[in-house]
PDB file of N, CA and C in Angstrom:
ATOM      1  N   MET A   1      20.036  94.243 162.425  1.00  0.00           N
ATOM      2  CA  MET A   1      19.701  93.439 161.283  1.00  0.00           C
ATOM      3  C   MET A   1      18.500  92.569 161.657  1.00  0.00           C
ATOM      4  N   ALA A   2      17.487  92.630 160.824  1.00  0.00           N
ATOM      5  CA  ALA A   2      16.267  91.866 161.082  1.00  0.00           C
ATOM      6  C   ALA A   2      16.448  90.428 160.615  1.00  0.00           C
ATOM      7  N   THR A   3      15.947  89.505 161.381  1.00  0.00           N
ATOM      8  CA  THR A   3      16.008  88.097 160.997  1.00  0.00           C
ATOM      9  C   THR A   3      14.606  87.596 160.737  1.00  0.00           C
ATOM     10  N   ARG A   4      14.533  86.569 159.927  1.00  0.00           N
ATOM     11  CA  ARG A   4      13.227  85.973 159.627  1.00  0.00           C
ATOM     12  C   ARG A   4      12.772  85.135 160.797  1.00  0.00           C
ATOM     13  N   SER A   5      11.475  85.152 161.013  1.00  0.00           N
ATOM     14  CA  SER A   5      10.939  84.287 162.057  1.00  0.00           C
ATOM     15  C   SER A   5      10.918  82.855 161.555  1.00  0.00           C
ATOM     16  N   ARG A   6      10.793  81.922 162.446  1.00  0.00           N
ATOM     17  CA  ARG A   6      10.820  80.511 162.085  1.00  0.00           C
ATOM     18  C   ARG A   6       9.677  80.163 161.121  1.00  0.00           C
ATOM     19  N   GLY A   7       8.476  80.737 161.343  1.00  0.00           N
ATOM     20  CA  GLY A   7       7.329  80.476 160.465  1.00  0.00           C
ATOM     21  C   GLY A   7       7.535  81.020 159.063  1.00  0.00           C
ATOM     22  N   THR A   8       8.128  82.198 158.956  1.00  0.00           N
ATOM     23  CA  THR A   8       8.393  82.798 157.651  1.00  0.00           C
ATOM     24  C   THR A   8       9.426  81.978 156.891  1.00  0.00           C
ATOM     25  N   ASN A   9      10.438  81.497 157.588  1.00  0.00           N
ATOM     26  CA  ASN A   9      11.472  80.686 156.965  1.00  0.00           C
ATOM     27  C   ASN A   9      10.890  79.380 156.440  1.00  0.00           C
ATOM     28  N   ARG A  10      10.011  78.746 157.201  1.00  0.00           N
ATOM     29  CA  ARG A  10       9.360  77.505 156.751  1.00  0.00           C
ATOM     30  C   ARG A  10       8.459  77.769 155.556  1.00  0.00           C
ATOM     31  N   SER A  11       7.751  78.881 155.591  1.00  0.00           N
ATOM     32  CA  SER A  11       6.872  79.230 154.471  1.00  0.00           C
ATOM     33  C   SER A  11       7.687  79.449 153.196  1.00  0.00           C
ATOM     34  N   PHE A  12       8.798  80.162 153.317  1.00  0.00           N
ATOM     35  CA  PHE A  12       9.664  80.392 152.160  1.00  0.00           C
ATOM     36  C   PHE A  12      10.209  79.068 151.627  1.00  0.00           C
ATOM     37  N   THR A  13      10.661  78.203 152.523  1.00  0.00           N
ATOM     38  CA  THR A  13      11.193  76.898 152.122  1.00  0.00           C
ATOM     39  C   THR A  13      10.129  76.077 151.428  1.00  0.00           C
ATOM     40  N   PHE A  14       8.906  76.090 151.947  1.00  0.00           N
ATOM     41  CA  PHE A  14       7.806  75.343 151.337  1.00  0.00           C
ATOM     42  C   PHE A  14       7.543  75.831 149.922  1.00  0.00           C
ATOM     43  N   TRP A  15       7.414  77.141 149.736  1.00  0.00           N
ATOM     44  CA  TRP A  15       7.102  77.670 148.408  1.00  0.00           C
ATOM     45  C   TRP A  15       8.273  77.514 147.443  1.00  0.00           C
ATOM     46  N   ALA A  16       9.496  77.566 147.957  1.00  0.00           N
ATOM     47  CA  ALA A  16      10.655  77.313 147.101  1.00  0.00           C
ATOM     48  C   ALA A  16      10.649  75.863 146.622  1.00  0.00           C
ATOM     49  N   LEU A  17      10.317  74.933 147.526  1.00  0.00           N
ATOM     50  CA  LEU A  17      10.243  73.522 147.152  1.00  0.00           C
ATOM     51  C   LEU A  17       9.123  73.275 146.143  1.00  0.00           C
ATOM     52  N   VAL A  18       7.968  73.890 146.351  1.00  0.00           N
ATOM     53  CA  VAL A  18       6.848  73.749 145.412  1.00  0.00           C
ATOM     54  C   VAL A  18       7.246  74.287 144.038  1.00  0.00           C
ATOM     55  N   THR A  19       7.918  75.413 143.994  1.00  0.00           N
ATOM     56  CA  THR A  19       8.345  76.003 142.726  1.00  0.00           C
ATOM     57  C   THR A  19       9.350  75.103 142.014  1.00  0.00           C
ATOM     58  N   ILE A  20      10.309  74.568 142.759  1.00  0.00           N
ATOM     59  CA  ILE A  20      11.302  73.672 142.159  1.00  0.00           C
ATOM     60  C   ILE A  20      10.636  72.418 141.609  1.00  0.00           C
ATOM     61  N   LEU A  21       9.714  71.835 142.366  1.00  0.00           N
ATOM     62  CA  LEU A  21       9.011  70.642 141.886  1.00  0.00           C
ATOM     63  C   LEU A  21       8.169  70.941 140.656  1.00  0.00           C
ATOM     64  N   PHE A  22       7.553  72.121 140.610  1.00  0.00           N
ATOM     65  CA  PHE A  22       6.781  72.522 139.442  1.00  0.00           C
ATOM     66  C   PHE A  22       7.676  72.632 138.211  1.00  0.00           C
ATOM     67  N   VAL A  23       8.847  73.234 138.363  1.00  0.00           N
ATOM     68  CA  VAL A  23       9.773  73.386 137.234  1.00  0.00           C
ATOM     69  C   VAL A  23      10.269  72.017 136.767  1.00  0.00           C
ATOM     70  N   VAL A  24      10.534  71.108 137.706  1.00  0.00           N
ATOM     71  CA  VAL A  24      10.965  69.759 137.340  1.00  0.00           C
ATOM     72  C   VAL A  24       9.865  69.048 136.554  1.00  0.00           C
ATOM     73  N   ARG A  25       8.627  69.151 137.027  1.00  0.00           N
ATOM     74  CA  ARG A  25       7.501  68.510 136.320  1.00  0.00           C
ATOM     75  C   ARG A  25       7.300  69.142 134.945  1.00  0.00           C
ATOM     76  N   LEU A  26       7.373  70.452 134.871  1.00  0.00           N
ATOM     77  CA  LEU A  26       7.232  71.149 133.591  1.00  0.00           C
ATOM     78  C   LEU A  26       8.316  70.704 132.613  1.00  0.00           C
ATOM     79  N   SER A  27       9.542  70.588 133.092  1.00  0.00           N
ATOM     80  CA  SER A  27      10.641  70.148 132.240  1.00  0.00           C
ATOM     81  C   SER A  27      10.424  68.727 131.740  1.00  0.00           C
ATOM     82  N   PHE A  28       9.927  67.870 132.617  1.00  0.00           N
ATOM     83  CA  PHE A  28       9.646  66.490 132.213  1.00  0.00           C
ATOM     84  C   PHE A  28       8.638  66.440 131.079  1.00  0.00           C
ATOM     85  N   TYR A  29       7.513  67.155 131.236  1.00  0.00           N
ATOM     86  CA  TYR A  29       6.499  67.138 130.192  1.00  0.00           C
ATOM     87  C   TYR A  29       6.982  67.814 128.917  1.00  0.00           C
ATOM     88  N   ALA A  30       7.834  68.815 129.039  1.00  0.00           N
ATOM     89  CA  ALA A  30       8.337  69.510 127.852  1.00  0.00           C
ATOM     90  C   ALA A  30       9.212  68.610 126.995  1.00  0.00           C
ATOM     91  N   VAL A  31       9.959  67.702 127.618  1.00  0.00           N
ATOM     92  CA  VAL A  31      10.852  66.847 126.835  1.00  0.00           C
ATOM     93  C   VAL A  31      10.263  65.474 126.539  1.00  0.00           C
ATOM     94  N   SER A  32       9.237  65.054 127.274  1.00  0.00           N
ATOM     95  CA  SER A  32       8.707  63.706 127.057  1.00  0.00           C
ATOM     96  C   SER A  32       7.533  63.663 126.079  1.00  0.00           C
ATOM     97  N   MET A  33       6.798  64.726 125.941  1.00  0.00           N
ATOM     98  CA  MET A  33       5.649  64.753 125.048  1.00  0.00           C
ATOM     99  C   MET A  33       6.031  65.387 123.717  1.00  0.00           C
ATOM    100  N   PRO A  34       5.799  64.700 122.616  1.00  0.00           N
ATOM    101  CA  PRO A  34       6.109  65.312 121.311  1.00  0.00           C
ATOM    102  C   PRO A  34       5.204  66.522 121.048  1.00  0.00           C
ATOM    103  N   ILE A  35       5.754  67.502 120.367  1.00  0.00           N
ATOM    104  CA  ILE A  35       4.958  68.677 120.027  1.00  0.00           C
ATOM    105  C   ILE A  35       3.850  68.265 119.057  1.00  0.00           C
ATOM    106  N   TRP A  36       2.725  68.895 119.149  1.00  0.00           N
ATOM    107  CA  TRP A  36       1.532  68.629 118.339  1.00  0.00           C
ATOM    108  C   TRP A  36       0.996  67.215 118.582  1.00  0.00           C
ATOM    109  N   GLU A  37       1.161  66.687 119.795  1.00  0.00           N
ATOM    110  CA  GLU A  37       0.697  65.332 120.105  1.00  0.00           C
ATOM    111  C   GLU A  37      -0.827  65.232 119.977  1.00  0.00           C
ATOM    112  N   GLY A  38      -1.544  66.183 120.506  1.00  0.00           N
ATOM    113  CA  GLY A  38      -2.997  66.166 120.382  1.00  0.00           C
ATOM    114  C   GLY A  38      -3.420  66.504 118.968  1.00  0.00           C
ATOM    115  N   PHE A  39      -4.548  65.950 118.520  1.00  0.00           N
ATOM    116  CA  PHE A  39      -4.933  66.158 117.117  1.00  0.00           C
ATOM    117  C   PHE A  39      -5.296  67.602 116.806  1.00  0.00           C
ATOM    118  N   ASP A  40      -5.636  68.410 117.820  1.00  0.00           N
ATOM    119  CA  ASP A  40      -5.962  69.815 117.558  1.00  0.00           C
ATOM    120  C   ASP A  40      -5.079  70.774 118.343  1.00  0.00           C
ATOM    121  N   GLU A  41      -3.969  70.288 118.855  1.00  0.00           N
ATOM    122  CA  GLU A  41      -3.078  71.130 119.657  1.00  0.00           C
ATOM    123  C   GLU A  41      -2.530  72.298 118.846  1.00  0.00           C
ATOM    124  N   TRP A  42      -2.206  72.051 117.598  1.00  0.00           N
ATOM    125  CA  TRP A  42      -1.665  73.119 116.756  1.00  0.00           C
ATOM    126  C   TRP A  42      -2.688  74.250 116.571  1.00  0.00           C
ATOM    127  N   SER A  43      -3.968  73.894 116.541  1.00  0.00           N
ATOM    128  CA  SER A  43      -4.984  74.940 116.367  1.00  0.00           C
ATOM    129  C   SER A  43      -5.121  75.797 117.620  1.00  0.00           C
ATOM    130  N   HIS A  44      -4.904  75.206 118.796  1.00  0.00           N
ATOM    131  CA  HIS A  44      -4.928  76.007 120.027  1.00  0.00           C
ATOM    132  C   HIS A  44      -3.784  77.021 120.025  1.00  0.00           C
ATOM    133  N   VAL A  45      -2.611  76.572 119.627  1.00  0.00           N
ATOM    134  CA  VAL A  45      -1.466  77.468 119.560  1.00  0.00           C
ATOM    135  C   VAL A  45      -1.692  78.540 118.495  1.00  0.00           C
ATOM    136  N   ALA A  46      -2.264  78.161 117.359  1.00  0.00           N
ATOM    137  CA  ALA A  46      -2.551  79.137 116.300  1.00  0.00           C
ATOM    138  C   ALA A  46      -3.582  80.166 116.766  1.00  0.00           C
ATOM    139  N   TYR A  47      -4.559  79.740 117.569  1.00  0.00           N
ATOM    140  CA  TYR A  47      -5.583  80.653 118.097  1.00  0.00           C
ATOM    141  C   TYR A  47      -4.938  81.683 119.026  1.00  0.00           C
ATOM    142  N   VAL A  48      -4.097  81.228 119.941  1.00  0.00           N
ATOM    143  CA  VAL A  48      -3.428  82.146 120.868  1.00  0.00           C
ATOM    144  C   VAL A  48      -2.477  83.061 120.106  1.00  0.00           C
ATOM    145  N   ASP A  49      -1.784  82.526 119.114  1.00  0.00           N
ATOM    146  CA  ASP A  49      -0.881  83.341 118.296  1.00  0.00           C
ATOM    147  C   ASP A  49      -1.654  84.427 117.564  1.00  0.00           C
ATOM    148  N   HIS A  50      -2.830  84.096 117.038  1.00  0.00           N
ATOM    149  CA  HIS A  50      -3.651  85.094 116.351  1.00  0.00           C
ATOM    150  C   HIS A  50      -4.121  86.173 117.329  1.00  0.00           C
ATOM    151  N   LEU A  51      -4.536  85.766 118.534  1.00  0.00           N
ATOM    152  CA  LEU A  51      -4.960  86.750 119.530  1.00  0.00           C
ATOM    153  C   LEU A  51      -3.810  87.668 119.931  1.00  0.00           C
ATOM    154  N   ARG A  52      -2.600  87.129 119.925  1.00  0.00           N
ATOM    155  CA  ARG A  52      -1.428  87.929 120.270  1.00  0.00           C
ATOM    156  C   ARG A  52      -1.149  88.991 119.206  1.00  0.00           C
ATOM    157  N   LEU A  53      -1.378  88.642 117.936  1.00  0.00           N
ATOM    158  CA  LEU A  53      -1.048  89.552 116.841  1.00  0.00           C
ATOM    159  C   LEU A  53      -2.200  90.449 116.415  1.00  0.00           C
ATOM    160  N   ALA A  54      -3.433  90.016 116.622  1.00  0.00           N
ATOM    161  CA  ALA A  54      -4.595  90.784 116.162  1.00  0.00           C
ATOM    162  C   ALA A  54      -5.538  91.033 117.337  1.00  0.00           C
ATOM    163  N   THR A  55      -6.535  91.840 117.092  1.00  0.00           N
ATOM    164  CA  THR A  55      -7.492  92.148 118.161  1.00  0.00           C
ATOM    165  C   THR A  55      -8.815  91.413 117.984  1.00  0.00           C
ATOM    166  N   ASP A  56      -8.980  90.706 116.883  1.00  0.00           N
ATOM    167  CA  ASP A  56     -10.238  90.006 116.643  1.00  0.00           C
ATOM    168  C   ASP A  56     -10.078  88.506 116.851  1.00  0.00           C
ATOM    169  N   ILE A  57     -11.180  87.811 116.899  1.00  0.00           N
ATOM    170  CA  ILE A  57     -11.183  86.359 117.039  1.00  0.00           C
ATOM    171  C   ILE A  57     -11.116  85.753 115.641  1.00  0.00           C
ATOM    172  N   PRO A  58     -10.215  84.782 115.412  1.00  0.00           N
ATOM    173  CA  PRO A  58     -10.086  84.214 114.067  1.00  0.00           C
ATOM    174  C   PRO A  58     -11.288  83.358 113.695  1.00  0.00           C
ATOM    175  N   ASP A  59     -11.591  83.314 112.417  1.00  0.00           N
ATOM    176  CA  ASP A  59     -12.655  82.420 111.949  1.00  0.00           C
ATOM    177  C   ASP A  59     -12.031  81.103 111.486  1.00  0.00           C
ATOM    178  N   SER A  60     -12.858  80.164 111.108  1.00  0.00           N
ATOM    179  CA  SER A  60     -12.359  78.830 110.746  1.00  0.00           C
ATOM    180  C   SER A  60     -11.583  78.821 109.432  1.00  0.00           C
ATOM    181  N   GLU A  61     -11.744  79.822 108.604  1.00  0.00           N
ATOM    182  CA  GLU A  61     -11.042  79.892 107.330  1.00  0.00           C
ATOM    183  C   GLU A  61      -9.739  80.690 107.413  1.00  0.00           C
ATOM    184  N   GLN A  62      -9.402  81.176 108.602  1.00  0.00           N
ATOM    185  CA  GLN A  62      -8.198  81.988 108.789  1.00  0.00           C
ATOM    186  C   GLN A  62      -6.948  81.147 108.546  1.00  0.00           C
ATOM    187  N   ILE A  63      -5.956  81.729 107.899  1.00  0.00           N
ATOM    188  CA  ILE A  63      -4.694  81.045 107.636  1.00  0.00           C
ATOM    189  C   ILE A  63      -3.800  81.204 108.866  1.00  0.00           C
ATOM    190  N   VAL A  64      -3.121  80.124 109.253  1.00  0.00           N
ATOM    191  CA  VAL A  64      -2.237  80.181 110.420  1.00  0.00           C
ATOM    192  C   VAL A  64      -0.952  80.920 110.066  1.00  0.00           C
ATOM    193  N   SER A  65      -0.211  81.316 111.083  1.00  0.00           N
ATOM    194  CA  SER A  65       1.031  82.064 110.855  1.00  0.00           C
ATOM    195  C   SER A  65       2.050  81.186 110.126  1.00  0.00           C
ATOM    196  N   PRO A  66       2.999  81.802 109.442  1.00  0.00           N
ATOM    197  CA  PRO A  66       4.014  81.021 108.707  1.00  0.00           C
ATOM    198  C   PRO A  66       4.821  80.090 109.615  1.00  0.00           C
ATOM    199  N   GLU A  67       5.086  80.510 110.863  1.00  0.00           N
ATOM    200  CA  GLU A  67       5.860  79.664 111.774  1.00  0.00           C
ATOM    201  C   GLU A  67       5.113  78.378 112.095  1.00  0.00           C
ATOM    202  N   ILE A  68       3.819  78.473 112.365  1.00  0.00           N
ATOM    203  CA  ILE A  68       3.022  77.291 112.685  1.00  0.00           C
ATOM    204  C   ILE A  68       2.841  76.428 111.449  1.00  0.00           C
ATOM    205  N   ALA A  69       2.624  77.049 110.298  1.00  0.00           N
ATOM    206  CA  ALA A  69       2.492  76.284 109.050  1.00  0.00           C
ATOM    207  C   ALA A  69       3.773  75.513 108.745  1.00  0.00           C
ATOM    208  N   CYS A  70       4.927  76.124 108.978  1.00  0.00           N
ATOM    209  CA  CYS A  70       6.209  75.441 108.752  1.00  0.00           C
ATOM    210  C   CYS A  70       6.383  74.279 109.719  1.00  0.00           C
ATOM    211  N   SER A  71       5.991  74.464 110.972  1.00  0.00           N
ATOM    212  CA  SER A  71       6.140  73.388 111.950  1.00  0.00           C
ATOM    213  C   SER A  71       5.225  72.208 111.632  1.00  0.00           C
ATOM    214  N   LEU A  72       4.073  72.469 111.023  1.00  0.00           N
ATOM    215  CA  LEU A  72       3.176  71.382 110.638  1.00  0.00           C
ATOM    216  C   LEU A  72       3.776  70.533 109.525  1.00  0.00           C
ATOM    217  N   GLU A  73       4.648  71.110 108.709  1.00  0.00           N
ATOM    218  CA  GLU A  73       5.289  70.366 107.627  1.00  0.00           C
ATOM    219  C   GLU A  73       6.530  69.614 108.105  1.00  0.00           C
ATOM    220  N   VAL A  74       7.187  70.121 109.141  1.00  0.00           N
ATOM    221  CA  VAL A  74       8.457  69.558 109.590  1.00  0.00           C
ATOM    222  C   VAL A  74       8.283  68.530 110.710  1.00  0.00           C
ATOM    223  N   LEU A  75       7.359  68.777 111.634  1.00  0.00           N
ATOM    224  CA  LEU A  75       7.187  67.914 112.797  1.00  0.00           C
ATOM    225  C   LEU A  75       6.162  66.820 112.532  1.00  0.00           C
ATOM    226  N   PRO A  76       6.284  65.691 113.223  1.00  0.00           N
ATOM    227  CA  PRO A  76       5.294  64.618 113.051  1.00  0.00           C
ATOM    228  C   PRO A  76       3.943  65.019 113.628  1.00  0.00           C
ATOM    229  N   LEU A  77       2.885  64.560 112.954  1.00  0.00           N
ATOM    230  CA  LEU A  77       1.513  64.893 113.354  1.00  0.00           C
ATOM    231  C   LEU A  77       0.720  63.615 113.588  1.00  0.00           C
ATOM    232  N   PRO A  78      -0.352  63.697 114.374  1.00  0.00           N
ATOM    233  CA  PRO A  78      -1.250  62.547 114.491  1.00  0.00           C
ATOM    234  C   PRO A  78      -1.856  62.217 113.128  1.00  0.00           C
ATOM    235  N   ALA A  79      -2.285  60.978 112.955  1.00  0.00           N
ATOM    236  CA  ALA A  79      -2.808  60.522 111.662  1.00  0.00           C
ATOM    237  C   ALA A  79      -4.007  61.341 111.201  1.00  0.00           C
ATOM    238  N   VAL A  80      -4.843  61.791 112.128  1.00  0.00           N
ATOM    239  CA  VAL A  80      -6.034  62.575 111.756  1.00  0.00           C
ATOM    240  C   VAL A  80      -5.637  63.884 111.084  1.00  0.00           C
ATOM    241  N   VAL A  81      -4.641  64.542 111.624  1.00  0.00           N
ATOM    242  CA  VAL A  81      -4.210  65.834 111.082  1.00  0.00           C
ATOM    243  C   VAL A  81      -3.376  65.642 109.822  1.00  0.00           C
ATOM    244  N   GLN A  82      -2.663  64.534 109.719  1.00  0.00           N
ATOM    245  CA  GLN A  82      -1.793  64.300 108.576  1.00  0.00           C
ATOM    246  C   GLN A  82      -2.573  64.325 107.273  1.00  0.00           C
ATOM    247  N   ARG A  83      -3.809  63.861 107.303  1.00  0.00           N
ATOM    248  CA  ARG A  83      -4.635  63.869 106.081  1.00  0.00           C
ATOM    249  C   ARG A  83      -4.969  65.285 105.631  1.00  0.00           C
ATOM    250  N   GLU A  84      -4.991  66.235 106.583  1.00  0.00           N
ATOM    251  CA  GLU A  84      -5.346  67.613 106.257  1.00  0.00           C
ATOM    252  C   GLU A  84      -4.159  68.468 105.845  1.00  0.00           C
ATOM    253  N   VAL A  85      -2.955  68.036 106.215  1.00  0.00           N
ATOM    254  CA  VAL A  85      -1.752  68.810 105.909  1.00  0.00           C
ATOM    255  C   VAL A  85      -0.897  68.043 104.911  1.00  0.00           C
ATOM    256  N   PRO A  86      -0.896  68.455 103.661  1.00  0.00           N
ATOM    257  CA  PRO A  86      -0.111  67.727 102.655  1.00  0.00           C
ATOM    258  C   PRO A  86       1.394  67.813 102.961  1.00  0.00           C
ATOM    259  N   GLY A  87       2.078  66.698 102.763  1.00  0.00           N
ATOM    260  CA  GLY A  87       3.518  66.644 102.988  1.00  0.00           C
ATOM    261  C   GLY A  87       3.927  66.378 104.428  1.00  0.00           C
ATOM    262  N   SER A  88       2.974  66.188 105.333  1.00  0.00           N
ATOM    263  CA  SER A  88       3.311  65.942 106.725  1.00  0.00           C
ATOM    264  C   SER A  88       3.525  64.458 106.967  1.00  0.00           C
ATOM    265  N   ILE A  89       4.153  64.137 108.090  1.00  0.00           N
ATOM    266  CA  ILE A  89       4.395  62.742 108.446  1.00  0.00           C
ATOM    267  C   ILE A  89       3.766  62.429 109.795  1.00  0.00           C
ATOM    268  N   THR A  90       3.489  61.159 110.063  1.00  0.00           N
ATOM    269  CA  THR A  90       2.886  60.760 111.335  1.00  0.00           C
ATOM    270  C   THR A  90       3.969  60.484 112.374  1.00  0.00           C
ATOM    271  N   HIS A  91       3.543  60.354 113.636  1.00  0.00           N
ATOM    272  CA  HIS A  91       4.477  60.008 114.709  1.00  0.00           C
ATOM    273  C   HIS A  91       5.082  58.636 114.474  1.00  0.00           C
ATOM    274  N   ALA A  92       4.284  57.704 113.938  1.00  0.00           N
ATOM    275  CA  ALA A  92       4.767  56.341 113.721  1.00  0.00           C
ATOM    276  C   ALA A  92       5.873  56.310 112.666  1.00  0.00           C
ATOM    277  N   SER A  93       5.730  57.092 111.604  1.00  0.00           N
ATOM    278  CA  SER A  93       6.741  57.086 110.550  1.00  0.00           C
ATOM    279  C   SER A  93       7.930  57.983 110.871  1.00  0.00           C
ATOM    280  N   TYR A  94       7.795  58.825 111.862  1.00  0.00           N
ATOM    281  CA  TYR A  94       8.883  59.712 112.259  1.00  0.00           C
ATOM    282  C   TYR A  94       9.946  58.915 112.963  1.00  0.00           C
TER     283      TYR A  94
END
């Protein structure tokens, strides 16, 4: 039965610790930052969603997917975006 050398074991432990710390940090940001916090964050997600579904680059007049449009109506938005999306609410009023 082959055993790991001391250097390999330390390397594995180091990368396991780095991965665990990364997941902890990712989890923290996922629960502490409200969705659509940035004034154009929703457009970045809509751009990637469009690239996932189509092969072309969307233009500025392109309509976002129904899922993103629904989230813009339900979730709080920054004041700048709230003026552009009728029926939306701000983070302060949420």
